[in-house]
Amino acid sequence: METEFKAIHLPTWVRSARQAAPLASVVTIGAMGNAGSTSPSSTTPALRFNDVQFSYGRRPIIDSLSLEVRQGELLAIMGGSGVGKTTLLRLVAGLVRPTNGSIELLGEPLRIDDQESLYALRKRIGLLFQFGALFTDLNCFENVAFPLREHSRLSESLLKDLVLLKLEAVGLRGAASLMPSEISGGMGRRVALARAVALDPELILYDEPFAGLDPISLGVTARLIRRLNDALGATSIVVTHDVAETFAIANRVAVLAPSERGARLVALGTPEELRNSVDPYVRQFLAGDESGPVQFHMAAAALEDDFL
């Protein structure tokens, strides 16, 4: 049965905390009910790729990508394994430098050489790592508290309140004292999500958030991602292979396809527009067909050459 995130009535001490620091805003997500794919609040891009190319050495990964991500939207990036989806997140986080082209992030040019500017931008971004990546030696409370301790000067009392509010928002306040080894994979992913939004980021990056989850945990996590995006007024980029759940929560979907010059953007639109796409790669990817541009058999010599 799907977890219900009910409205939370804010007592006086919480209202005071929110006046002191806006980090508690996510506590109101339960009041939204079933948050559908809400329209973005602005057409101003939160993120822009300007003819971005990227290669690892001589191996091309991204080919001339131009893409705008609107403020307030949830954009899913989909494509086959190894096509370069996670590399895009690394580019956005400033972990790697584009071979060519430029990136604008939250209205500012992304300059990897300017560490002060880069670190300031990173504080405005939340990242949910693949499989959560919780600190195994810290309990759930301290995992969520980590970015607050590193990047804020809150009193211990206020920090405690905010961490518990974040855990309450993902339904896991009761797990605050538990270690990562004492909770399930799905619960761990939700704790990691609470940590990712601890600083109320303007942009949230999700790297395969549904990988390895059972159907119930997957559904709960998907809807929680949508609700958090809307409650925070944030912009979200979700890298995933899961078609059904992604189409249920995304405003738009971008599909990357492999080519000899690196991944290229072959489709960008609403879930409904992609369902009606005539592009052969998009149709093969969404249907999971064996036949299509992506071949099941890797190129090899004739079968007789190996067995005769």
C-alpha atoms as a PDB file:
ATOM      1  CA  MET A   1       0.000   0.000   0.000  1.00  0.00           C
ATOM      2  CA  GLU A   2       1.363   3.394  -0.955  1.00  0.00           C
ATOM      3  CA  THR A   3       2.610   5.595   1.874  1.00  0.00           C
ATOM      4  CA  GLU A   4       0.399   8.618   2.497  1.00  0.00           C
ATOM      5  CA  PHE A   5       2.135  11.919   3.172  1.00  0.00           C
ATOM      6  CA  LYS A   6      -0.454  13.867   5.128  1.00  0.00           C
ATOM      7  CA  ALA A   7      -0.550  17.575   5.802  1.00  0.00           C
ATOM      8  CA  ILE A   8       1.547  18.715   8.737  1.00  0.00           C
ATOM      9  CA  HIS A   9       0.213  21.512  10.914  1.00  0.00           C
ATOM     10  CA  LEU A  10       3.041  23.810  11.895  1.00  0.00           C
ATOM     11  CA  PRO A  11       3.270  24.547  15.625  1.00  0.00           C
ATOM     12  CA  THR A  12       4.639  27.849  16.910  1.00  0.00           C
ATOM     13  CA  TRP A  13       8.211  26.631  17.239  1.00  0.00           C
ATOM     14  CA  VAL A  14       8.265  25.476  13.607  1.00  0.00           C
ATOM     15  CA  ARG A  15       6.848  28.777  12.360  1.00  0.00           C
ATOM     16  CA  SER A  16       9.590  30.559  14.283  1.00  0.00           C
ATOM     17  CA  ALA A  17      12.173  28.257  12.690  1.00  0.00           C
ATOM     18  CA  ARG A  18      10.877  29.022   9.231  1.00  0.00           C
ATOM     19  CA  GLN A  19      11.154  32.751   9.916  1.00  0.00           C
ATOM     20  CA  ALA A  20      14.724  32.256  11.067  1.00  0.00           C
ATOM     21  CA  ALA A  21      15.656  30.100   8.058  1.00  0.00           C
ATOM     22  CA  PRO A  22      13.581  29.034   5.048  1.00  0.00           C
ATOM     23  CA  LEU A  23      15.019  25.516   5.111  1.00  0.00           C
ATOM     24  CA  ALA A  24      11.856  24.084   6.662  1.00  0.00           C
ATOM     25  CA  SER A  25       9.631  24.906   3.693  1.00  0.00           C
ATOM     26  CA  VAL A  26       9.518  21.326   2.485  1.00  0.00           C
ATOM     27  CA  VAL A  27       7.451  20.305   5.501  1.00  0.00           C
ATOM     28  CA  THR A  28       4.344  21.506   3.695  1.00  0.00           C
ATOM     29  CA  ILE A  29       4.568  18.957   0.866  1.00  0.00           C
ATOM     30  CA  GLY A  30       1.905  16.716   2.359  1.00  0.00           C
ATOM     31  CA  ALA A  31      -0.729  19.400   1.999  1.00  0.00           C
ATOM     32  CA  MET A  32      -0.521  19.152  -1.778  1.00  0.00           C
ATOM     33  CA  GLY A  33      -2.283  15.831  -2.096  1.00  0.00           C
ATOM     34  CA  ASN A  34      -1.548  14.115  -5.403  1.00  0.00           C
ATOM     35  CA  ALA A  35       0.806  16.528  -7.130  1.00  0.00           C
ATOM     36  CA  GLY A  36       0.537  15.953 -10.839  1.00  0.00           C
ATOM     37  CA  SER A  37       2.928  17.275 -13.444  1.00  0.00           C
ATOM     38  CA  THR A  38       2.580  20.909 -12.486  1.00  0.00           C
ATOM     39  CA  SER A  39       3.442  23.450 -15.184  1.00  0.00           C
ATOM     40  CA  PRO A  40       6.745  25.290 -14.709  1.00  0.00           C
ATOM     41  CA  SER A  41       6.423  28.682 -13.022  1.00  0.00           C
ATOM     42  CA  SER A  42       8.639  30.500 -15.499  1.00  0.00           C
ATOM     43  CA  THR A  43       9.996  30.164 -19.004  1.00  0.00           C
ATOM     44  CA  THR A  44      13.385  31.509 -17.889  1.00  0.00           C
ATOM     45  CA  PRO A  45      15.892  28.638 -18.139  1.00  0.00           C
ATOM     46  CA  ALA A  46      17.276  27.264 -14.894  1.00  0.00           C
ATOM     47  CA  LEU A  47      19.897  25.450 -16.960  1.00  0.00           C
ATOM     48  CA  ARG A  48      21.118  25.902 -20.513  1.00  0.00           C
ATOM     49  CA  PHE A  49      23.488  23.761 -22.563  1.00  0.00           C
ATOM     50  CA  ASN A  50      24.967  25.775 -25.439  1.00  0.00           C
ATOM     51  CA  ASP A  51      26.292  23.449 -28.160  1.00  0.00           C
ATOM     52  CA  VAL A  52      28.051  21.316 -25.524  1.00  0.00           C
ATOM     53  CA  GLN A  53      30.455  18.610 -26.607  1.00  0.00           C
ATOM     54  CA  PHE A  54      32.320  16.277 -24.297  1.00  0.00           C
ATOM     55  CA  SER A  55      34.870  13.511 -24.788  1.00  0.00           C
ATOM     56  CA  TYR A  56      36.881  11.219 -22.553  1.00  0.00           C
ATOM     57  CA  GLY A  57      40.193  11.469 -24.349  1.00  0.00           C
ATOM     58  CA  ARG A  58      39.483  10.521 -27.973  1.00  0.00           C
ATOM     59  CA  ARG A  59      36.187   8.832 -27.135  1.00  0.00           C
ATOM     60  CA  PRO A  60      33.269  11.195 -27.845  1.00  0.00           C
ATOM     61  CA  ILE A  61      30.438  11.112 -25.278  1.00  0.00           C
ATOM     62  CA  ILE A  62      28.201  14.131 -25.965  1.00  0.00           C
ATOM     63  CA  ASP A  63      27.702  15.596 -29.438  1.00  0.00           C
ATOM     64  CA  SER A  64      26.729  19.279 -29.784  1.00  0.00           C
ATOM     65  CA  LEU A  65      23.961  19.335 -27.170  1.00  0.00           C
ATOM     66  CA  SER A  66      21.792  22.448 -26.964  1.00  0.00           C
ATOM     67  CA  LEU A  67      19.045  22.209 -24.350  1.00  0.00           C
ATOM     68  CA  GLU A  68      17.149  24.520 -22.019  1.00  0.00           C
ATOM     69  CA  VAL A  69      15.648  23.372 -18.723  1.00  0.00           C
ATOM     70  CA  ARG A  70      12.838  25.636 -17.557  1.00  0.00           C
ATOM     71  CA  GLN A  71      12.517  26.892 -14.022  1.00  0.00           C
ATOM     72  CA  GLY A  72      10.142  24.792 -11.941  1.00  0.00           C
ATOM     73  CA  GLU A  73       9.926  21.867 -14.340  1.00  0.00           C
ATOM     74  CA  LEU A  74      10.832  18.240 -13.843  1.00  0.00           C
ATOM     75  CA  LEU A  75      12.850  17.145 -16.856  1.00  0.00           C
ATOM     76  CA  ALA A  76      13.660  13.474 -17.334  1.00  0.00           C
ATOM     77  CA  ILE A  77      16.741  12.486 -19.327  1.00  0.00           C
ATOM     78  CA  MET A  78      16.417   9.017 -20.824  1.00  0.00           C
ATOM     79  CA  GLY A  79      18.454   6.816 -23.133  1.00  0.00           C
ATOM     80  CA  GLY A  80      20.323   3.544 -23.269  1.00  0.00           C
ATOM     81  CA  SER A  81      22.988   2.474 -20.776  1.00  0.00           C
ATOM     82  CA  GLY A  82      26.313   4.203 -21.362  1.00  0.00           C
ATOM     83  CA  VAL A  83      24.878   6.858 -23.659  1.00  0.00           C
ATOM     84  CA  GLY A  84      26.099   9.735 -21.472  1.00  0.00           C
ATOM     85  CA  LYS A  85      23.193  10.636 -19.179  1.00  0.00           C
ATOM     86  CA  THR A  86      25.204  10.622 -15.952  1.00  0.00           C
ATOM     87  CA  THR A  87      27.978  12.510 -17.727  1.00  0.00           C
ATOM     88  CA  LEU A  88      25.489  15.351 -18.225  1.00  0.00           C
ATOM     89  CA  LEU A  89      24.959  15.502 -14.457  1.00  0.00           C
ATOM     90  CA  ARG A  90      28.726  15.578 -13.947  1.00  0.00           C
ATOM     91  CA  LEU A  91      28.933  18.495 -16.369  1.00  0.00           C
ATOM     92  CA  VAL A  92      26.174  20.375 -14.528  1.00  0.00           C
ATOM     93  CA  ALA A  93      27.887  19.813 -11.174  1.00  0.00           C
ATOM     94  CA  GLY A  94      31.164  21.136 -12.556  1.00  0.00           C
ATOM     95  CA  LEU A  95      32.955  17.843 -11.990  1.00  0.00           C
ATOM     96  CA  VAL A  96      34.122  17.708 -15.614  1.00  0.00           C
ATOM     97  CA  ARG A  97      34.675  20.428 -18.200  1.00  0.00           C
ATOM     98  CA  PRO A  98      32.955  20.530 -21.614  1.00  0.00           C
ATOM     99  CA  THR A  99      35.296  19.877 -24.509  1.00  0.00           C
ATOM    100  CA  ASN A 100      33.437  22.582 -26.426  1.00  0.00           C
ATOM    101  CA  GLY A 101      30.440  24.801 -25.738  1.00  0.00           C
ATOM    102  CA  SER A 102      29.242  26.344 -22.492  1.00  0.00           C
ATOM    103  CA  ILE A 103      26.747  25.800 -19.666  1.00  0.00           C
ATOM    104  CA  GLU A 104      24.638  28.415 -17.887  1.00  0.00           C
ATOM    105  CA  LEU A 105      23.391  27.394 -14.455  1.00  0.00           C
ATOM    106  CA  LEU A 106      20.798  29.303 -12.433  1.00  0.00           C
ATOM    107  CA  GLY A 107      21.386  32.424 -14.508  1.00  0.00           C
ATOM    108  CA  GLU A 108      25.180  32.320 -14.233  1.00  0.00           C
ATOM    109  CA  PRO A 109      27.884  30.908 -16.513  1.00  0.00           C
ATOM    110  CA  LEU A 110      29.380  27.715 -15.102  1.00  0.00           C
ATOM    111  CA  ARG A 111      33.097  28.451 -14.668  1.00  0.00           C
ATOM    112  CA  ILE A 112      35.075  25.496 -13.382  1.00  0.00           C
ATOM    113  CA  ASP A 113      38.258  27.572 -13.100  1.00  0.00           C
ATOM    114  CA  ASP A 114      36.600  29.987 -10.658  1.00  0.00           C
ATOM    115  CA  GLN A 115      36.373  27.837  -7.532  1.00  0.00           C
ATOM    116  CA  GLU A 116      34.619  30.474  -5.428  1.00  0.00           C
ATOM    117  CA  SER A 117      31.860  30.883  -8.011  1.00  0.00           C
ATOM    118  CA  LEU A 118      31.642  27.115  -8.583  1.00  0.00           C
ATOM    119  CA  TYR A 119      31.303  26.309  -4.877  1.00  0.00           C
ATOM    120  CA  ALA A 120      28.655  29.003  -4.464  1.00  0.00           C
ATOM    121  CA  LEU A 121      26.621  27.487  -7.297  1.00  0.00           C
ATOM    122  CA  ARG A 122      26.982  23.990  -5.866  1.00  0.00           C
ATOM    123  CA  LYS A 123      25.371  25.135  -2.625  1.00  0.00           C
ATOM    124  CA  ARG A 124      22.261  25.893  -4.674  1.00  0.00           C
ATOM    125  CA  ILE A 125      22.145  22.357  -6.095  1.00  0.00           C
ATOM    126  CA  GLY A 126      20.956  19.117  -4.502  1.00  0.00           C
ATOM    127  CA  LEU A 127      22.156  15.736  -5.762  1.00  0.00           C
ATOM    128  CA  LEU A 128      20.649  12.323  -5.174  1.00  0.00           C
ATOM    129  CA  PHE A 129      23.380   9.817  -5.931  1.00  0.00           C
ATOM    130  CA  GLN A 130      22.674   6.487  -7.542  1.00  0.00           C
ATOM    131  CA  PHE A 131      21.767   4.014  -4.746  1.00  0.00           C
ATOM    132  CA  GLY A 132      21.701   6.889  -2.224  1.00  0.00           C
ATOM    133  CA  ALA A 133      25.383   6.917  -1.173  1.00  0.00           C
ATOM    134  CA  LEU A 134      24.612   7.440   2.511  1.00  0.00           C
ATOM    135  CA  PHE A 135      27.511   7.722   4.928  1.00  0.00           C
ATOM    136  CA  THR A 136      27.573   4.243   6.450  1.00  0.00           C
ATOM    137  CA  ASP A 137      29.099   5.389   9.763  1.00  0.00           C
ATOM    138  CA  LEU A 138      26.433   8.061  10.345  1.00  0.00           C
ATOM    139  CA  ASN A 139      22.840   7.450  11.363  1.00  0.00           C
ATOM    140  CA  CYS A 140      19.955   8.768   9.268  1.00  0.00           C
ATOM    141  CA  PHE A 141      19.709  11.991  11.289  1.00  0.00           C
ATOM    142  CA  GLU A 142      23.388  12.821  10.856  1.00  0.00           C
ATOM    143  CA  ASN A 143      23.297  11.979   7.142  1.00  0.00           C
ATOM    144  CA  VAL A 144      20.601  14.604   6.605  1.00  0.00           C
ATOM    145  CA  ALA A 145      22.311  17.028   8.997  1.00  0.00           C
ATOM    146  CA  PHE A 146      25.637  16.794   7.171  1.00  0.00           C
ATOM    147  CA  PRO A 147      25.073  19.549   4.542  1.00  0.00           C
ATOM    148  CA  LEU A 148      23.496  21.799   7.184  1.00  0.00           C
ATOM    149  CA  ARG A 149      26.519  21.442   9.442  1.00  0.00           C
ATOM    150  CA  GLU A 150      28.869  22.103   6.532  1.00  0.00           C
ATOM    151  CA  HIS A 151      27.111  25.074   4.940  1.00  0.00           C
ATOM    152  CA  SER A 152      25.078  26.835   7.624  1.00  0.00           C
ATOM    153  CA  ARG A 153      25.595  28.314  11.063  1.00  0.00           C
ATOM    154  CA  LEU A 154      22.353  27.184  12.625  1.00  0.00           C
ATOM    155  CA  SER A 155      22.069  26.541  16.320  1.00  0.00           C
ATOM    156  CA  GLU A 156      21.981  22.881  17.301  1.00  0.00           C
ATOM    157  CA  SER A 157      18.352  23.249  18.360  1.00  0.00           C
ATOM    158  CA  LEU A 158      17.247  24.722  15.033  1.00  0.00           C
ATOM    159  CA  LEU A 159      19.342  22.233  13.084  1.00  0.00           C
ATOM    160  CA  LYS A 160      17.651  19.376  14.925  1.00  0.00           C
ATOM    161  CA  ASP A 161      14.212  20.760  14.134  1.00  0.00           C
ATOM    162  CA  LEU A 162      15.007  21.167  10.451  1.00  0.00           C
ATOM    163  CA  VAL A 163      16.500  17.695  10.076  1.00  0.00           C
ATOM    164  CA  LEU A 164      13.468  16.109  11.700  1.00  0.00           C
ATOM    165  CA  LEU A 165      11.202  18.121   9.404  1.00  0.00           C
ATOM    166  CA  LYS A 166      13.090  16.894   6.344  1.00  0.00           C
ATOM    167  CA  LEU A 167      12.834  13.299   7.545  1.00  0.00           C
ATOM    168  CA  GLU A 168       9.142  13.809   8.278  1.00  0.00           C
ATOM    169  CA  ALA A 169       8.684  15.066   4.721  1.00  0.00           C
ATOM    170  CA  VAL A 170       9.933  11.733   3.343  1.00  0.00           C
ATOM    171  CA  GLY A 171       8.042   9.713   5.971  1.00  0.00           C
ATOM    172  CA  LEU A 172      11.081   8.619   7.969  1.00  0.00           C
ATOM    173  CA  ARG A 173      11.276  10.760  11.102  1.00  0.00           C
ATOM    174  CA  GLY A 174      10.926   7.505  13.021  1.00  0.00           C
ATOM    175  CA  ALA A 175      14.171   6.226  11.473  1.00  0.00           C
ATOM    176  CA  ALA A 176      16.283   9.192  12.584  1.00  0.00           C
ATOM    177  CA  SER A 177      18.415   7.171  15.005  1.00  0.00           C
ATOM    178  CA  LEU A 178      18.834   4.132  12.732  1.00  0.00           C
ATOM    179  CA  MET A 179      21.997   3.362  10.792  1.00  0.00           C
ATOM    180  CA  PRO A 180      21.882   2.893   6.990  1.00  0.00           C
ATOM    181  CA  SER A 181      22.483  -0.837   7.499  1.00  0.00           C
ATOM    182  CA  GLU A 182      19.301  -1.042   9.585  1.00  0.00           C
ATOM    183  CA  ILE A 183      16.905   0.265   6.923  1.00  0.00           C
ATOM    184  CA  SER A 184      15.795  -1.050   3.550  1.00  0.00           C
ATOM    185  CA  GLY A 185      17.138   0.126   0.213  1.00  0.00           C
ATOM    186  CA  GLY A 186      13.975   2.075  -0.512  1.00  0.00           C
ATOM    187  CA  MET A 187      14.110   3.792   2.867  1.00  0.00           C
ATOM    188  CA  GLY A 188      17.766   4.597   2.322  1.00  0.00           C
ATOM    189  CA  ARG A 189      16.905   6.268  -0.962  1.00  0.00           C
ATOM    190  CA  ARG A 190      14.334   8.434   0.814  1.00  0.00           C
ATOM    191  CA  VAL A 191      16.851   9.434   3.522  1.00  0.00           C
ATOM    192  CA  ALA A 192      19.259  10.378   0.737  1.00  0.00           C
ATOM    193  CA  LEU A 193      16.474  12.447  -0.816  1.00  0.00           C
ATOM    194  CA  ALA A 194      15.937  14.276   2.486  1.00  0.00           C
ATOM    195  CA  ARG A 195      19.666  15.012   2.547  1.00  0.00           C
ATOM    196  CA  ALA A 196      19.604  16.230  -1.072  1.00  0.00           C
ATOM    197  CA  VAL A 197      16.948  18.857  -0.233  1.00  0.00           C
ATOM    198  CA  ALA A 198      18.328  19.804   3.178  1.00  0.00           C
ATOM    199  CA  LEU A 199      19.461  23.228   1.941  1.00  0.00           C
ATOM    200  CA  ASP A 200      16.294  23.859  -0.112  1.00  0.00           C
ATOM    201  CA  PRO A 201      18.174  23.723  -3.445  1.00  0.00           C
ATOM    202  CA  GLU A 202      16.977  25.550  -6.530  1.00  0.00           C
ATOM    203  CA  LEU A 203      18.065  22.682  -8.789  1.00  0.00           C
ATOM    204  CA  ILE A 204      17.932  18.987  -7.850  1.00  0.00           C
ATOM    205  CA  LEU A 205      19.801  16.322  -9.823  1.00  0.00           C
ATOM    206  CA  TYR A 206      18.715  12.681  -9.594  1.00  0.00           C
ATOM    207  CA  ASP A 207      21.024   9.944 -10.875  1.00  0.00           C
ATOM    208  CA  GLU A 208      18.959   6.782 -11.457  1.00  0.00           C
ATOM    209  CA  PRO A 209      16.740   7.324  -8.382  1.00  0.00           C
ATOM    210  CA  PHE A 210      14.604   4.239  -9.130  1.00  0.00           C
ATOM    211  CA  ALA A 211      17.395   1.709  -9.679  1.00  0.00           C
ATOM    212  CA  GLY A 212      16.991  -1.445  -7.596  1.00  0.00           C
ATOM    213  CA  LEU A 213      13.707  -0.448  -5.963  1.00  0.00           C
ATOM    214  CA  ASP A 214      10.692  -2.728  -5.600  1.00  0.00           C
ATOM    215  CA  PRO A 215       7.461  -1.517  -7.263  1.00  0.00           C
ATOM    216  CA  ILE A 216       6.044  -0.015  -4.063  1.00  0.00           C
ATOM    217  CA  SER A 217       9.239   1.853  -3.159  1.00  0.00           C
ATOM    218  CA  LEU A 218       9.608   2.952  -6.764  1.00  0.00           C
ATOM    219  CA  GLY A 219       6.115   4.441  -6.899  1.00  0.00           C
ATOM    220  CA  VAL A 220       6.485   6.178  -3.537  1.00  0.00           C
ATOM    221  CA  THR A 221       9.883   7.609  -4.498  1.00  0.00           C
ATOM    222  CA  ALA A 222       8.650   8.857  -7.881  1.00  0.00           C
ATOM    223  CA  ARG A 223       5.678  10.700  -6.414  1.00  0.00           C
ATOM    224  CA  LEU A 224       7.819  12.065  -3.602  1.00  0.00           C
ATOM    225  CA  ILE A 225      10.256  13.516  -6.150  1.00  0.00           C
ATOM    226  CA  ARG A 226       7.356  15.270  -7.877  1.00  0.00           C
ATOM    227  CA  ARG A 227       5.942  16.632  -4.609  1.00  0.00           C
ATOM    228  CA  LEU A 228       9.294  17.869  -3.365  1.00  0.00           C
ATOM    229  CA  ASN A 229       9.948  19.642  -6.651  1.00  0.00           C
ATOM    230  CA  ASP A 230       6.646  21.481  -6.452  1.00  0.00           C
ATOM    231  CA  ALA A 231       6.837  22.258  -2.722  1.00  0.00           C
ATOM    232  CA  LEU A 232      10.314  23.751  -2.997  1.00  0.00           C
ATOM    233  CA  GLY A 233       9.580  25.574  -6.250  1.00  0.00           C
ATOM    234  CA  ALA A 234      12.705  23.861  -7.530  1.00  0.00           C
ATOM    235  CA  THR A 235      13.793  22.523 -10.897  1.00  0.00           C
ATOM    236  CA  SER A 236      14.580  18.801 -11.171  1.00  0.00           C
ATOM    237  CA  ILE A 237      16.569  16.739 -13.655  1.00  0.00           C
ATOM    238  CA  VAL A 238      15.977  13.003 -13.379  1.00  0.00           C
ATOM    239  CA  VAL A 239      18.265  10.536 -15.155  1.00  0.00           C
ATOM    240  CA  THR A 240      16.415   7.236 -15.404  1.00  0.00           C
ATOM    241  CA  HIS A 241      15.453   4.218 -17.496  1.00  0.00           C
ATOM    242  CA  ASP A 242      12.044   3.711 -15.905  1.00  0.00           C
ATOM    243  CA  VAL A 243       9.547   4.767 -18.550  1.00  0.00           C
ATOM    244  CA  ALA A 244       6.189   4.291 -16.800  1.00  0.00           C
ATOM    245  CA  GLU A 245       6.938   6.085 -13.521  1.00  0.00           C
ATOM    246  CA  THR A 246       8.932   8.808 -15.244  1.00  0.00           C
ATOM    247  CA  PHE A 247       6.156   9.603 -17.704  1.00  0.00           C
ATOM    248  CA  ALA A 248       3.742   9.901 -14.761  1.00  0.00           C
ATOM    249  CA  ILE A 249       5.715  12.699 -13.052  1.00  0.00           C
ATOM    250  CA  ALA A 250       7.755  14.511 -15.733  1.00  0.00           C
ATOM    251  CA  ASN A 251       6.842  17.778 -17.427  1.00  0.00           C
ATOM    252  CA  ARG A 252       9.131  16.976 -20.332  1.00  0.00           C
ATOM    253  CA  VAL A 253      11.399  14.133 -21.388  1.00  0.00           C
ATOM    254  CA  ALA A 254      14.681  14.377 -23.295  1.00  0.00           C
ATOM    255  CA  VAL A 255      15.906  11.252 -25.086  1.00  0.00           C
ATOM    256  CA  LEU A 256      19.575  10.742 -25.947  1.00  0.00           C
ATOM    257  CA  ALA A 257      20.649   8.301 -28.658  1.00  0.00           C
ATOM    258  CA  PRO A 258      24.169   7.023 -29.384  1.00  0.00           C
ATOM    259  CA  SER A 259      26.089   8.020 -32.490  1.00  0.00           C
ATOM    260  CA  GLU A 260      29.677   7.824 -33.697  1.00  0.00           C
ATOM    261  CA  ARG A 261      30.222  11.419 -32.588  1.00  0.00           C
ATOM    262  CA  GLY A 262      28.657  10.908 -29.146  1.00  0.00           C
ATOM    263  CA  ALA A 263      25.155  11.094 -27.700  1.00  0.00           C
ATOM    264  CA  ARG A 264      22.736  13.322 -29.564  1.00  0.00           C
ATOM    265  CA  LEU A 265      19.354  14.671 -28.530  1.00  0.00           C
ATOM    266  CA  VAL A 266      16.769  12.895 -30.693  1.00  0.00           C
ATOM    267  CA  ALA A 267      13.564  13.861 -28.877  1.00  0.00           C
ATOM    268  CA  LEU A 268      12.359  16.479 -26.425  1.00  0.00           C
ATOM    269  CA  GLY A 269       8.749  16.946 -25.403  1.00  0.00           C
ATOM    270  CA  THR A 270       5.955  15.993 -23.070  1.00  0.00           C
ATOM    271  CA  PRO A 271       5.382  12.311 -22.278  1.00  0.00           C
ATOM    272  CA  GLU A 272       2.397  12.328 -24.620  1.00  0.00           C
ATOM    273  CA  GLU A 273       4.455  13.810 -27.454  1.00  0.00           C
ATOM    274  CA  LEU A 274       7.095  11.127 -27.005  1.00  0.00           C
ATOM    275  CA  ARG A 275       4.488   8.370 -27.045  1.00  0.00           C
ATOM    276  CA  ASN A 276       3.478   9.655 -30.476  1.00  0.00           C
ATOM    277  CA  SER A 277       7.051  10.031 -31.741  1.00  0.00           C
ATOM    278  CA  VAL A 278       7.942   8.477 -35.095  1.00  0.00           C
ATOM    279  CA  ASP A 279      11.688   8.485 -34.380  1.00  0.00           C
ATOM    280  CA  PRO A 280      12.837   4.839 -34.644  1.00  0.00           C
ATOM    281  CA  TYR A 281      15.183   5.047 -31.655  1.00  0.00           C
ATOM    282  CA  VAL A 282      12.516   6.608 -29.415  1.00  0.00           C
ATOM    283  CA  ARG A 283       9.976   3.985 -30.442  1.00  0.00           C
ATOM    284  CA  GLN A 284      12.442   1.154 -29.811  1.00  0.00           C
ATOM    285  CA  PHE A 285      13.497   2.564 -26.431  1.00  0.00           C
ATOM    286  CA  LEU A 286       9.984   3.148 -25.111  1.00  0.00           C
ATOM    287  CA  ALA A 287       8.709  -0.235 -26.321  1.00  0.00           C
ATOM    288  CA  GLY A 288      11.821  -2.186 -25.327  1.00  0.00           C
ATOM    289  CA  ASP A 289      11.957  -3.809 -28.765  1.00  0.00           C
ATOM    290  CA  GLU A 290      14.847  -6.016 -29.803  1.00  0.00           C
ATOM    291  CA  SER A 291      14.724  -4.795 -33.391  1.00  0.00           C
ATOM    292  CA  GLY A 292      15.584  -1.207 -34.238  1.00  0.00           C
ATOM    293  CA  PRO A 293      18.564   1.148 -34.496  1.00  0.00           C
ATOM    294  CA  VAL A 294      20.167  -0.425 -31.404  1.00  0.00           C
ATOM    295  CA  GLN A 295      21.105  -3.967 -32.357  1.00  0.00           C
ATOM    296  CA  PHE A 296      21.071  -6.887 -29.928  1.00  0.00           C
ATOM    297  CA  HIS A 297      24.206  -8.449 -31.439  1.00  0.00           C
ATOM    298  CA  MET A 298      27.466  -6.534 -31.248  1.00  0.00           C
ATOM    299  CA  ALA A 299      29.359  -6.371 -34.541  1.00  0.00           C
ATOM    300  CA  ALA A 300      31.581  -9.442 -34.939  1.00  0.00           C
ATOM    301  CA  ALA A 301      33.186 -11.651 -37.539  1.00  0.00           C
ATOM    302  CA  ALA A 302      31.078 -14.242 -39.338  1.00  0.00           C
ATOM    303  CA  LEU A 303      29.936 -17.071 -37.050  1.00  0.00           C
ATOM    304  CA  GLU A 304      31.690 -19.643 -39.225  1.00  0.00           C
ATOM    305  CA  ASP A 305      35.051 -17.949 -38.606  1.00  0.00           C
ATOM    306  CA  ASP A 306      34.894 -18.701 -34.894  1.00  0.00           C
ATOM    307  CA  PHE A 307      33.454 -22.218 -35.007  1.00  0.00           C
ATOM    308  CA  LEU A 308      34.791 -23.748 -38.197  1.00  0.00           C
END
